[in-house]
């Protein structure tokens, strides 16, 4: 038995015009871009669900385009996080899960709740929201049946073929969340506090709060958010941290706000997504990290072009 949990390295989204002819081969069918990405990564984030409700047929198509063992992280609706600001969430959550999330079946990974940078920490509000989140697919199906069908594009998916755990991750972007109370609340709820690397943009926290880790890499130090290629040394350091987390522990130099470490486990699953997509760095950084961790990227010659190799700034 492996002494590590499952490690899945991937990208945030997969449909970016500048990637065509560079990461995606010249002439590659745009409708098959997910298939190409899934041939080299173990997971991707679905970004479209953040902006609007999607058709159930899209979830089924995404499921069918990816191999067994693949995982989708699904971004929670900004209607709930940015507009409602976590308040009165029940109908919005019902619509979110009814749109087709359950059609991903065993390929459904964590749900990512990305908070806006102008939303400060309110303990009661956050607790109420986390309490409302379904923790199993059966709970999500029951919630979906309370949706407003007029808000959905056609089919409502409110059934699940099997009882599976639904994991949730919280990405905070306001300085008031960098406190012991948030860590304690996330631990109590079993919600992963995202390790979100965006130098100087929002808090960077490595407190372990759940049975899995969720890491988002938004760009290297000294670059605007979503830009910047990660240098060799940064990827080496990240690989060492991911390896330690996957073995159920924490790095000795972990940047925590809570004085207590999380209890040691036999292993933890780790998701790492690169979101430094503005300069086409994300897929190459993801491949470089996967290589350091000994993960299977299914072969293929995906070496970055000149100027995009490890440690080079790129165009």
C-alpha atoms as a PDB file:
ATOM      1  CA  UNK A   1       0.000   0.000   0.000  1.00  0.00           C
ATOM      2  CA  UNK A   2       1.288   3.473  -0.884  1.00  0.00           C
ATOM      3  CA  UNK A   3       2.512   5.648   1.958  1.00  0.00           C
ATOM      4  CA  UNK A   4       1.011   8.678   0.196  1.00  0.00           C
ATOM      5  CA  UNK A   5      -2.528   9.758  -0.431  1.00  0.00           C
ATOM      6  CA  UNK A   6      -3.675  10.384  -3.989  1.00  0.00           C
ATOM      7  CA  UNK A   7      -1.905  13.410  -5.503  1.00  0.00           C
ATOM      8  CA  UNK A   8      -3.650  15.104  -8.408  1.00  0.00           C
ATOM      9  CA  UNK A   9      -1.939  17.979 -10.185  1.00  0.00           C
ATOM     10  CA  UNK A  10      -3.840  19.937 -12.803  1.00  0.00           C
ATOM     11  CA  UNK A  11      -4.975  23.254 -14.208  1.00  0.00           C
ATOM     12  CA  UNK A  12      -7.710  25.775 -13.488  1.00  0.00           C
ATOM     13  CA  UNK A  13      -9.917  25.634 -16.563  1.00  0.00           C
ATOM     14  CA  UNK A  14      -8.851  24.310 -19.933  1.00  0.00           C
ATOM     15  CA  UNK A  15     -10.338  26.542 -22.626  1.00  0.00           C
ATOM     16  CA  UNK A  16      -7.898  29.395 -23.231  1.00  0.00           C
ATOM     17  CA  UNK A  17      -7.334  30.778 -26.724  1.00  0.00           C
ATOM     18  CA  UNK A  18      -3.593  31.530 -26.150  1.00  0.00           C
ATOM     19  CA  UNK A  19      -2.987  27.842 -25.339  1.00  0.00           C
ATOM     20  CA  UNK A  20      -4.051  26.808 -28.842  1.00  0.00           C
ATOM     21  CA  UNK A  21      -1.080  26.017 -31.030  1.00  0.00           C
ATOM     22  CA  UNK A  22       1.191  26.072 -27.967  1.00  0.00           C
ATOM     23  CA  UNK A  23      -0.025  23.687 -25.252  1.00  0.00           C
ATOM     24  CA  UNK A  24      -2.699  22.272 -27.530  1.00  0.00           C
ATOM     25  CA  UNK A  25      -1.278  21.104 -30.871  1.00  0.00           C
ATOM     26  CA  UNK A  26      -1.899  23.151 -34.003  1.00  0.00           C
ATOM     27  CA  UNK A  27      -5.270  22.286 -35.432  1.00  0.00           C
ATOM     28  CA  UNK A  28      -6.479  20.419 -32.361  1.00  0.00           C
ATOM     29  CA  UNK A  29     -10.289  20.331 -32.190  1.00  0.00           C
ATOM     30  CA  UNK A  30     -11.449  22.805 -29.534  1.00  0.00           C
ATOM     31  CA  UNK A  31     -14.186  20.420 -28.470  1.00  0.00           C
ATOM     32  CA  UNK A  32     -11.483  17.894 -27.542  1.00  0.00           C
ATOM     33  CA  UNK A  33      -9.299  20.203 -25.449  1.00  0.00           C
ATOM     34  CA  UNK A  34     -10.517  18.659 -22.209  1.00  0.00           C
ATOM     35  CA  UNK A  35      -9.676  15.217 -23.576  1.00  0.00           C
ATOM     36  CA  UNK A  36      -6.140  16.402 -24.348  1.00  0.00           C
ATOM     37  CA  UNK A  37      -5.674  17.996 -20.909  1.00  0.00           C
ATOM     38  CA  UNK A  38      -7.075  14.944 -19.136  1.00  0.00           C
ATOM     39  CA  UNK A  39      -4.513  12.812 -20.940  1.00  0.00           C
ATOM     40  CA  UNK A  40      -1.754  14.602 -19.021  1.00  0.00           C
ATOM     41  CA  UNK A  41      -3.282  15.723 -15.716  1.00  0.00           C
ATOM     42  CA  UNK A  42      -5.172  13.974 -12.951  1.00  0.00           C
ATOM     43  CA  UNK A  43      -7.685  16.772 -12.360  1.00  0.00           C
ATOM     44  CA  UNK A  44      -8.970  20.115 -13.607  1.00  0.00           C
ATOM     45  CA  UNK A  45     -11.056  22.867 -12.099  1.00  0.00           C
ATOM     46  CA  UNK A  46     -14.356  23.642 -13.806  1.00  0.00           C
ATOM     47  CA  UNK A  47     -14.474  27.446 -13.905  1.00  0.00           C
ATOM     48  CA  UNK A  48     -17.740  27.950 -15.790  1.00  0.00           C
ATOM     49  CA  UNK A  49     -19.831  26.977 -12.761  1.00  0.00           C
ATOM     50  CA  UNK A  50     -18.460  30.019 -10.939  1.00  0.00           C
ATOM     51  CA  UNK A  51     -19.970  32.405 -13.484  1.00  0.00           C
ATOM     52  CA  UNK A  52     -23.281  30.739 -14.314  1.00  0.00           C
ATOM     53  CA  UNK A  53     -25.313  27.552 -14.073  1.00  0.00           C
ATOM     54  CA  UNK A  54     -24.349  25.011 -16.731  1.00  0.00           C
ATOM     55  CA  UNK A  55     -26.397  22.513 -18.712  1.00  0.00           C
ATOM     56  CA  UNK A  56     -26.608  18.945 -17.405  1.00  0.00           C
ATOM     57  CA  UNK A  57     -25.469  17.763 -20.834  1.00  0.00           C
ATOM     58  CA  UNK A  58     -22.168  19.605 -20.341  1.00  0.00           C
ATOM     59  CA  UNK A  59     -21.403  17.714 -17.137  1.00  0.00           C
ATOM     60  CA  UNK A  60     -22.136  14.418 -18.868  1.00  0.00           C
ATOM     61  CA  UNK A  61     -19.914  15.371 -21.796  1.00  0.00           C
ATOM     62  CA  UNK A  62     -17.069  16.314 -19.449  1.00  0.00           C
ATOM     63  CA  UNK A  63     -17.469  13.046 -17.597  1.00  0.00           C
ATOM     64  CA  UNK A  64     -17.315  11.023 -20.796  1.00  0.00           C
ATOM     65  CA  UNK A  65     -14.281  12.928 -22.156  1.00  0.00           C
ATOM     66  CA  UNK A  66     -12.022  11.950 -19.245  1.00  0.00           C
ATOM     67  CA  UNK A  67     -10.434   8.668 -18.117  1.00  0.00           C
ATOM     68  CA  UNK A  68     -11.320   6.564 -15.126  1.00  0.00           C
ATOM     69  CA  UNK A  69      -9.809   7.939 -11.935  1.00  0.00           C
ATOM     70  CA  UNK A  70      -9.899  11.533 -13.185  1.00  0.00           C
ATOM     71  CA  UNK A  71     -11.365  14.209 -10.896  1.00  0.00           C
ATOM     72  CA  UNK A  72     -13.119  17.502 -11.450  1.00  0.00           C
ATOM     73  CA  UNK A  73     -12.961  20.245  -8.850  1.00  0.00           C
ATOM     74  CA  UNK A  74     -16.104  22.326  -9.313  1.00  0.00           C
ATOM     75  CA  UNK A  75     -16.038  26.043  -8.530  1.00  0.00           C
ATOM     76  CA  UNK A  76     -18.977  27.183  -6.448  1.00  0.00           C
ATOM     77  CA  UNK A  77     -21.289  29.860  -7.773  1.00  0.00           C
ATOM     78  CA  UNK A  78     -20.236  33.479  -7.400  1.00  0.00           C
ATOM     79  CA  UNK A  79     -23.942  34.223  -6.951  1.00  0.00           C
ATOM     80  CA  UNK A  80     -23.561  32.638  -3.512  1.00  0.00           C
ATOM     81  CA  UNK A  81     -20.075  33.876  -2.643  1.00  0.00           C
ATOM     82  CA  UNK A  82     -19.888  37.308  -4.277  1.00  0.00           C
ATOM     83  CA  UNK A  83     -23.512  38.467  -4.629  1.00  0.00           C
ATOM     84  CA  UNK A  84     -25.323  36.829  -1.720  1.00  0.00           C
ATOM     85  CA  UNK A  85     -22.072  36.913   0.278  1.00  0.00           C
ATOM     86  CA  UNK A  86     -22.884  33.505   1.812  1.00  0.00           C
ATOM     87  CA  UNK A  87     -26.284  34.599   3.190  1.00  0.00           C
ATOM     88  CA  UNK A  88     -29.634  32.874   2.520  1.00  0.00           C
ATOM     89  CA  UNK A  89     -27.870  30.162   0.548  1.00  0.00           C
ATOM     90  CA  UNK A  90     -30.384  27.284   0.441  1.00  0.00           C
ATOM     91  CA  UNK A  91     -32.078  27.943  -2.922  1.00  0.00           C
ATOM     92  CA  UNK A  92     -28.807  28.966  -4.558  1.00  0.00           C
ATOM     93  CA  UNK A  93     -27.133  25.788  -3.301  1.00  0.00           C
ATOM     94  CA  UNK A  94     -30.083  23.708  -4.517  1.00  0.00           C
ATOM     95  CA  UNK A  95     -29.775  25.234  -7.995  1.00  0.00           C
ATOM     96  CA  UNK A  96     -26.017  24.743  -7.999  1.00  0.00           C
ATOM     97  CA  UNK A  97     -26.241  21.018  -7.274  1.00  0.00           C
ATOM     98  CA  UNK A  98     -29.299  20.530  -9.513  1.00  0.00           C
ATOM     99  CA  UNK A  99     -27.523  21.838 -12.629  1.00  0.00           C
ATOM    100  CA  UNK A 100     -25.707  18.522 -13.207  1.00  0.00           C
ATOM    101  CA  UNK A 101     -22.884  18.321 -10.669  1.00  0.00           C
ATOM    102  CA  UNK A 102     -24.035  14.842  -9.653  1.00  0.00           C
ATOM    103  CA  UNK A 103     -23.735  13.689 -13.282  1.00  0.00           C
ATOM    104  CA  UNK A 104     -19.964  13.697 -12.779  1.00  0.00           C
ATOM    105  CA  UNK A 105     -20.526  10.599 -10.623  1.00  0.00           C
ATOM    106  CA  UNK A 106     -17.252   9.148  -9.263  1.00  0.00           C
ATOM    107  CA  UNK A 107     -15.266  11.887 -11.039  1.00  0.00           C
ATOM    108  CA  UNK A 108     -16.665  14.584  -8.765  1.00  0.00           C
ATOM    109  CA  UNK A 109     -13.828  15.995  -6.690  1.00  0.00           C
ATOM    110  CA  UNK A 110     -13.933  18.871  -4.185  1.00  0.00           C
ATOM    111  CA  UNK A 111     -16.252  21.857  -4.464  1.00  0.00           C
ATOM    112  CA  UNK A 112     -14.232  25.079  -4.338  1.00  0.00           C
ATOM    113  CA  UNK A 113     -15.807  28.109  -2.664  1.00  0.00           C
ATOM    114  CA  UNK A 114     -13.759  31.167  -3.645  1.00  0.00           C
ATOM    115  CA  UNK A 115     -14.622  34.169  -1.503  1.00  0.00           C
ATOM    116  CA  UNK A 116     -14.364  37.748  -2.782  1.00  0.00           C
ATOM    117  CA  UNK A 117     -11.539  39.995  -1.559  1.00  0.00           C
ATOM    118  CA  UNK A 118     -14.029  42.497  -0.108  1.00  0.00           C
ATOM    119  CA  UNK A 119     -15.759  39.956   2.159  1.00  0.00           C
ATOM    120  CA  UNK A 120     -14.401  40.001   5.695  1.00  0.00           C
ATOM    121  CA  UNK A 121     -14.713  37.196   8.226  1.00  0.00           C
ATOM    122  CA  UNK A 122     -18.036  36.912  10.016  1.00  0.00           C
ATOM    123  CA  UNK A 123     -18.132  33.792  12.189  1.00  0.00           C
ATOM    124  CA  UNK A 124     -21.917  33.378  12.258  1.00  0.00           C
ATOM    125  CA  UNK A 125     -22.288  33.925   8.521  1.00  0.00           C
ATOM    126  CA  UNK A 126     -19.512  31.491   7.605  1.00  0.00           C
ATOM    127  CA  UNK A 127     -20.772  28.877  10.063  1.00  0.00           C
ATOM    128  CA  UNK A 128     -24.300  29.046   8.646  1.00  0.00           C
ATOM    129  CA  UNK A 129     -22.985  28.634   5.112  1.00  0.00           C
ATOM    130  CA  UNK A 130     -20.723  25.695   5.932  1.00  0.00           C
ATOM    131  CA  UNK A 131     -23.550  24.044   7.877  1.00  0.00           C
ATOM    132  CA  UNK A 132     -25.724  24.231   4.745  1.00  0.00           C
ATOM    133  CA  UNK A 133     -23.249  22.404   2.487  1.00  0.00           C
ATOM    134  CA  UNK A 134     -24.124  18.792   1.606  1.00  0.00           C
ATOM    135  CA  UNK A 135     -21.509  16.288   2.731  1.00  0.00           C
ATOM    136  CA  UNK A 136     -22.716  13.289   0.693  1.00  0.00           C
ATOM    137  CA  UNK A 137     -24.184  12.878  -2.779  1.00  0.00           C
ATOM    138  CA  UNK A 138     -27.491  11.723  -1.263  1.00  0.00           C
ATOM    139  CA  UNK A 139     -27.690  14.988   0.690  1.00  0.00           C
ATOM    140  CA  UNK A 140     -26.865  16.932  -2.483  1.00  0.00           C
ATOM    141  CA  UNK A 141     -29.590  15.100  -4.422  1.00  0.00           C
ATOM    142  CA  UNK A 142     -32.150  15.872  -1.735  1.00  0.00           C
ATOM    143  CA  UNK A 143     -31.066  19.518  -1.789  1.00  0.00           C
ATOM    144  CA  UNK A 144     -31.236  19.614  -5.604  1.00  0.00           C
ATOM    145  CA  UNK A 145     -34.867  18.522  -5.497  1.00  0.00           C
ATOM    146  CA  UNK A 146     -35.643  21.824  -3.762  1.00  0.00           C
ATOM    147  CA  UNK A 147     -34.241  23.864  -6.671  1.00  0.00           C
ATOM    148  CA  UNK A 148     -35.991  26.549  -8.689  1.00  0.00           C
ATOM    149  CA  UNK A 149     -36.284  24.811 -12.108  1.00  0.00           C
ATOM    150  CA  UNK A 150     -36.912  28.127 -13.843  1.00  0.00           C
ATOM    151  CA  UNK A 151     -33.298  29.086 -13.080  1.00  0.00           C
ATOM    152  CA  UNK A 152     -31.863  26.000 -14.789  1.00  0.00           C
ATOM    153  CA  UNK A 153     -31.140  25.382 -18.441  1.00  0.00           C
ATOM    154  CA  UNK A 154     -33.446  22.464 -19.073  1.00  0.00           C
ATOM    155  CA  UNK A 155     -32.817  19.237 -17.170  1.00  0.00           C
ATOM    156  CA  UNK A 156     -32.652  19.039 -13.382  1.00  0.00           C
ATOM    157  CA  UNK A 157     -30.271  16.371 -12.025  1.00  0.00           C
ATOM    158  CA  UNK A 158     -31.489  15.426  -8.575  1.00  0.00           C
ATOM    159  CA  UNK A 159     -30.558  11.752  -8.351  1.00  0.00           C
ATOM    160  CA  UNK A 160     -27.322   9.992  -7.496  1.00  0.00           C
ATOM    161  CA  UNK A 161     -26.282   6.476  -8.353  1.00  0.00           C
ATOM    162  CA  UNK A 162     -24.159   5.939  -5.260  1.00  0.00           C
ATOM    163  CA  UNK A 163     -23.530   7.484  -1.868  1.00  0.00           C
ATOM    164  CA  UNK A 164     -20.216   9.314  -2.047  1.00  0.00           C
ATOM    165  CA  UNK A 165     -18.575  11.888   0.164  1.00  0.00           C
ATOM    166  CA  UNK A 166     -18.587  15.461  -1.100  1.00  0.00           C
ATOM    167  CA  UNK A 167     -15.527  17.469  -0.028  1.00  0.00           C
ATOM    168  CA  UNK A 168     -15.481  21.249   0.214  1.00  0.00           C
ATOM    169  CA  UNK A 169     -12.585  23.726   0.046  1.00  0.00           C
ATOM    170  CA  UNK A 170     -12.644  27.401   1.041  1.00  0.00           C
ATOM    171  CA  UNK A 171     -10.378  29.993  -0.590  1.00  0.00           C
ATOM    172  CA  UNK A 172     -10.277  33.195   1.469  1.00  0.00           C
ATOM    173  CA  UNK A 173      -9.152  36.508   0.077  1.00  0.00           C
ATOM    174  CA  UNK A 174      -9.564  39.001   2.939  1.00  0.00           C
ATOM    175  CA  UNK A 175      -6.949  39.527   5.643  1.00  0.00           C
ATOM    176  CA  UNK A 176      -9.488  39.043   8.459  1.00  0.00           C
ATOM    177  CA  UNK A 177      -9.666  35.315   7.618  1.00  0.00           C
ATOM    178  CA  UNK A 178      -6.038  34.830   8.629  1.00  0.00           C
ATOM    179  CA  UNK A 179      -6.919  33.970  12.215  1.00  0.00           C
ATOM    180  CA  UNK A 180      -7.104  30.986  14.553  1.00  0.00           C
ATOM    181  CA  UNK A 181     -10.925  31.086  14.655  1.00  0.00           C
ATOM    182  CA  UNK A 182     -11.217  30.426  10.910  1.00  0.00           C
ATOM    183  CA  UNK A 183      -8.800  27.498  11.124  1.00  0.00           C
ATOM    184  CA  UNK A 184     -10.679  26.026  14.084  1.00  0.00           C
ATOM    185  CA  UNK A 185     -14.025  26.420  12.305  1.00  0.00           C
ATOM    186  CA  UNK A 186     -12.764  24.753   9.129  1.00  0.00           C
ATOM    187  CA  UNK A 187     -11.339  21.880  11.188  1.00  0.00           C
ATOM    188  CA  UNK A 188     -14.632  21.461  12.999  1.00  0.00           C
ATOM    189  CA  UNK A 189     -16.465  21.400   9.660  1.00  0.00           C
ATOM    190  CA  UNK A 190     -13.921  19.230   7.838  1.00  0.00           C
ATOM    191  CA  UNK A 191     -13.514  21.892   5.133  1.00  0.00           C
ATOM    192  CA  UNK A 192     -10.095  22.396   3.547  1.00  0.00           C
ATOM    193  CA  UNK A 193      -8.694  25.900   3.877  1.00  0.00           C
ATOM    194  CA  UNK A 194      -7.105  26.463   0.476  1.00  0.00           C
ATOM    195  CA  UNK A 195      -3.355  27.025   0.280  1.00  0.00           C
ATOM    196  CA  UNK A 196      -3.644  29.943  -2.133  1.00  0.00           C
ATOM    197  CA  UNK A 197      -0.414  31.294  -3.592  1.00  0.00           C
ATOM    198  CA  UNK A 198      -0.887  34.829  -4.890  1.00  0.00           C
ATOM    199  CA  UNK A 199       2.005  36.869  -3.509  1.00  0.00           C
ATOM    200  CA  UNK A 200       0.833  40.018  -1.744  1.00  0.00           C
ATOM    201  CA  UNK A 201      -2.718  39.709  -3.141  1.00  0.00           C
ATOM    202  CA  UNK A 202      -4.421  37.829  -0.292  1.00  0.00           C
ATOM    203  CA  UNK A 203      -3.551  35.654   2.735  1.00  0.00           C
ATOM    204  CA  UNK A 204      -1.284  32.649   2.295  1.00  0.00           C
ATOM    205  CA  UNK A 205      -2.180  29.935   4.809  1.00  0.00           C
ATOM    206  CA  UNK A 206      -0.814  26.416   5.139  1.00  0.00           C
ATOM    207  CA  UNK A 207      -2.973  25.342   8.079  1.00  0.00           C
ATOM    208  CA  UNK A 208      -4.257  21.794   7.483  1.00  0.00           C
ATOM    209  CA  UNK A 209      -7.975  21.682   8.308  1.00  0.00           C
ATOM    210  CA  UNK A 210      -9.381  18.564   6.583  1.00  0.00           C
ATOM    211  CA  UNK A 211      -8.561  15.072   5.407  1.00  0.00           C
ATOM    212  CA  UNK A 212      -7.275  16.483   2.122  1.00  0.00           C
ATOM    213  CA  UNK A 213      -5.265  19.483   0.888  1.00  0.00           C
ATOM    214  CA  UNK A 214      -6.317  21.906  -1.823  1.00  0.00           C
ATOM    215  CA  UNK A 215      -3.598  24.123  -3.322  1.00  0.00           C
ATOM    216  CA  UNK A 216      -3.992  26.897  -5.919  1.00  0.00           C
ATOM    217  CA  UNK A 217      -0.956  28.466  -7.585  1.00  0.00           C
ATOM    218  CA  UNK A 218      -1.846  31.878  -9.018  1.00  0.00           C
ATOM    219  CA  UNK A 219       1.561  33.129 -10.150  1.00  0.00           C
ATOM    220  CA  UNK A 220       5.151  33.535  -9.079  1.00  0.00           C
ATOM    221  CA  UNK A 221       6.483  36.165  -6.708  1.00  0.00           C
ATOM    222  CA  UNK A 222       7.207  39.479  -8.372  1.00  0.00           C
ATOM    223  CA  UNK A 223       4.564  38.950 -11.067  1.00  0.00           C
ATOM    224  CA  UNK A 224       0.975  40.177 -11.271  1.00  0.00           C
ATOM    225  CA  UNK A 225      -1.629  37.674 -10.107  1.00  0.00           C
ATOM    226  CA  UNK A 226      -2.322  34.965 -12.720  1.00  0.00           C
ATOM    227  CA  UNK A 227       1.013  35.660 -14.417  1.00  0.00           C
ATOM    228  CA  UNK A 228       4.543  34.481 -13.793  1.00  0.00           C
ATOM    229  CA  UNK A 229       6.272  31.155 -14.371  1.00  0.00           C
ATOM    230  CA  UNK A 230       7.348  29.320 -11.216  1.00  0.00           C
ATOM    231  CA  UNK A 231      11.105  28.839 -10.945  1.00  0.00           C
ATOM    232  CA  UNK A 232      12.773  25.451 -10.450  1.00  0.00           C
ATOM    233  CA  UNK A 233      13.451  26.154  -6.784  1.00  0.00           C
ATOM    234  CA  UNK A 234       9.820  27.126  -6.112  1.00  0.00           C
ATOM    235  CA  UNK A 235       8.568  23.932  -7.757  1.00  0.00           C
ATOM    236  CA  UNK A 236      11.105  21.867  -5.821  1.00  0.00           C
ATOM    237  CA  UNK A 237       9.880  23.391  -2.560  1.00  0.00           C
ATOM    238  CA  UNK A 238       6.239  22.865  -3.509  1.00  0.00           C
ATOM    239  CA  UNK A 239       6.882  19.228  -4.432  1.00  0.00           C
ATOM    240  CA  UNK A 240       8.469  18.621  -1.027  1.00  0.00           C
ATOM    241  CA  UNK A 241       5.458  20.159   0.730  1.00  0.00           C
ATOM    242  CA  UNK A 242       2.949  18.177  -1.341  1.00  0.00           C
ATOM    243  CA  UNK A 243       4.847  14.969  -0.615  1.00  0.00           C
ATOM    244  CA  UNK A 244       4.788  15.713   3.119  1.00  0.00           C
ATOM    245  CA  UNK A 245       1.079  16.578   3.110  1.00  0.00           C
ATOM    246  CA  UNK A 246       0.278  13.406   1.179  1.00  0.00           C
ATOM    247  CA  UNK A 247       2.031  11.384   3.897  1.00  0.00           C
ATOM    248  CA  UNK A 248      -0.388  12.807   6.458  1.00  0.00           C
ATOM    249  CA  UNK A 249       1.988  15.317   8.017  1.00  0.00           C
ATOM    250  CA  UNK A 250       2.936  18.973   7.609  1.00  0.00           C
ATOM    251  CA  UNK A 251       6.123  20.722   6.475  1.00  0.00           C
ATOM    252  CA  UNK A 252       8.296  21.783   9.383  1.00  0.00           C
ATOM    253  CA  UNK A 253       8.267  25.367   8.107  1.00  0.00           C
ATOM    254  CA  UNK A 254       4.518  25.474   7.383  1.00  0.00           C
ATOM    255  CA  UNK A 255       3.113  29.023   7.385  1.00  0.00           C
ATOM    256  CA  UNK A 256       0.279  28.656   9.890  1.00  0.00           C
ATOM    257  CA  UNK A 257      -1.861  31.102  11.846  1.00  0.00           C
ATOM    258  CA  UNK A 258      -3.057  28.468  14.329  1.00  0.00           C
ATOM    259  CA  UNK A 259      -0.463  27.378  16.915  1.00  0.00           C
ATOM    260  CA  UNK A 260      -1.545  23.736  16.773  1.00  0.00           C
ATOM    261  CA  UNK A 261      -0.806  21.410  13.912  1.00  0.00           C
ATOM    262  CA  UNK A 262      -3.543  19.171  12.558  1.00  0.00           C
ATOM    263  CA  UNK A 263      -3.473  15.591  13.906  1.00  0.00           C
ATOM    264  CA  UNK A 264      -1.116  13.324  11.967  1.00  0.00           C
ATOM    265  CA  UNK A 265      -2.864  10.912   9.599  1.00  0.00           C
ATOM    266  CA  UNK A 266      -1.634   7.898   7.676  1.00  0.00           C
ATOM    267  CA  UNK A 267      -2.062   9.869   4.456  1.00  0.00           C
ATOM    268  CA  UNK A 268      -3.989  12.725   2.867  1.00  0.00           C
ATOM    269  CA  UNK A 269      -5.103  13.308  -0.705  1.00  0.00           C
ATOM    270  CA  UNK A 270      -3.696  16.487  -2.268  1.00  0.00           C
ATOM    271  CA  UNK A 271      -5.051  18.546  -5.156  1.00  0.00           C
ATOM    272  CA  UNK A 272      -2.818  21.170  -6.781  1.00  0.00           C
ATOM    273  CA  UNK A 273      -4.098  23.470  -9.515  1.00  0.00           C
ATOM    274  CA  UNK A 274      -2.076  26.017 -11.459  1.00  0.00           C
ATOM    275  CA  UNK A 275      -3.972  29.193 -12.335  1.00  0.00           C
ATOM    276  CA  UNK A 276      -1.104  31.284 -13.757  1.00  0.00           C
ATOM    277  CA  UNK A 277      -2.766  31.020 -17.142  1.00  0.00           C
ATOM    278  CA  UNK A 278      -2.404  34.557 -18.523  1.00  0.00           C
ATOM    279  CA  UNK A 279       0.997  33.822 -20.040  1.00  0.00           C
ATOM    280  CA  UNK A 280       0.340  30.141 -20.831  1.00  0.00           C
ATOM    281  CA  UNK A 281       2.490  28.994 -17.922  1.00  0.00           C
ATOM    282  CA  UNK A 282      -0.066  26.918 -16.014  1.00  0.00           C
ATOM    283  CA  UNK A 283       0.071  23.624 -17.953  1.00  0.00           C
ATOM    284  CA  UNK A 284       3.864  23.584 -18.108  1.00  0.00           C
ATOM    285  CA  UNK A 285       4.228  24.320 -14.391  1.00  0.00           C
ATOM    286  CA  UNK A 286       1.697  21.588 -13.644  1.00  0.00           C
ATOM    287  CA  UNK A 287       3.643  19.101 -15.756  1.00  0.00           C
ATOM    288  CA  UNK A 288       6.907  20.119 -14.089  1.00  0.00           C
ATOM    289  CA  UNK A 289       5.436  19.593 -10.609  1.00  0.00           C
ATOM    290  CA  UNK A 290       3.894  16.253 -11.603  1.00  0.00           C
ATOM    291  CA  UNK A 291       7.288  15.105 -12.861  1.00  0.00           C
ATOM    292  CA  UNK A 292       8.938  16.031  -9.565  1.00  0.00           C
ATOM    293  CA  UNK A 293       6.318  14.008  -7.709  1.00  0.00           C
ATOM    294  CA  UNK A 294       6.733  10.985  -9.936  1.00  0.00           C
ATOM    295  CA  UNK A 295       3.189  11.198 -11.280  1.00  0.00           C
ATOM    296  CA  UNK A 296       2.169   9.629 -14.577  1.00  0.00           C
ATOM    297  CA  UNK A 297       1.510  12.288 -17.213  1.00  0.00           C
ATOM    298  CA  UNK A 298       0.818   9.573 -19.789  1.00  0.00           C
ATOM    299  CA  UNK A 299       3.967  10.211 -21.762  1.00  0.00           C
ATOM    300  CA  UNK A 300       3.833  12.499 -24.731  1.00  0.00           C
ATOM    301  CA  UNK A 301       6.242  15.253 -25.689  1.00  0.00           C
ATOM    302  CA  UNK A 302       4.886  18.305 -23.948  1.00  0.00           C
ATOM    303  CA  UNK A 303       8.128  20.135 -23.351  1.00  0.00           C
ATOM    304  CA  UNK A 304       7.523  23.875 -23.138  1.00  0.00           C
ATOM    305  CA  UNK A 305       8.827  25.970 -26.020  1.00  0.00           C
ATOM    306  CA  UNK A 306      11.955  28.101 -25.544  1.00  0.00           C
ATOM    307  CA  UNK A 307      11.386  30.769 -22.913  1.00  0.00           C
ATOM    308  CA  UNK A 308       8.910  28.659 -20.948  1.00  0.00           C
ATOM    309  CA  UNK A 309      11.216  26.078 -19.412  1.00  0.00           C
ATOM    310  CA  UNK A 310      11.607  25.794 -15.650  1.00  0.00           C
ATOM    311  CA  UNK A 311      12.907  29.006 -14.146  1.00  0.00           C
ATOM    312  CA  UNK A 312      12.723  31.091 -17.336  1.00  0.00           C
ATOM    313  CA  UNK A 313      10.465  34.073 -17.377  1.00  0.00           C
ATOM    314  CA  UNK A 314       8.852  33.399 -20.745  1.00  0.00           C
ATOM    315  CA  UNK A 315       7.249  35.874 -23.067  1.00  0.00           C
END
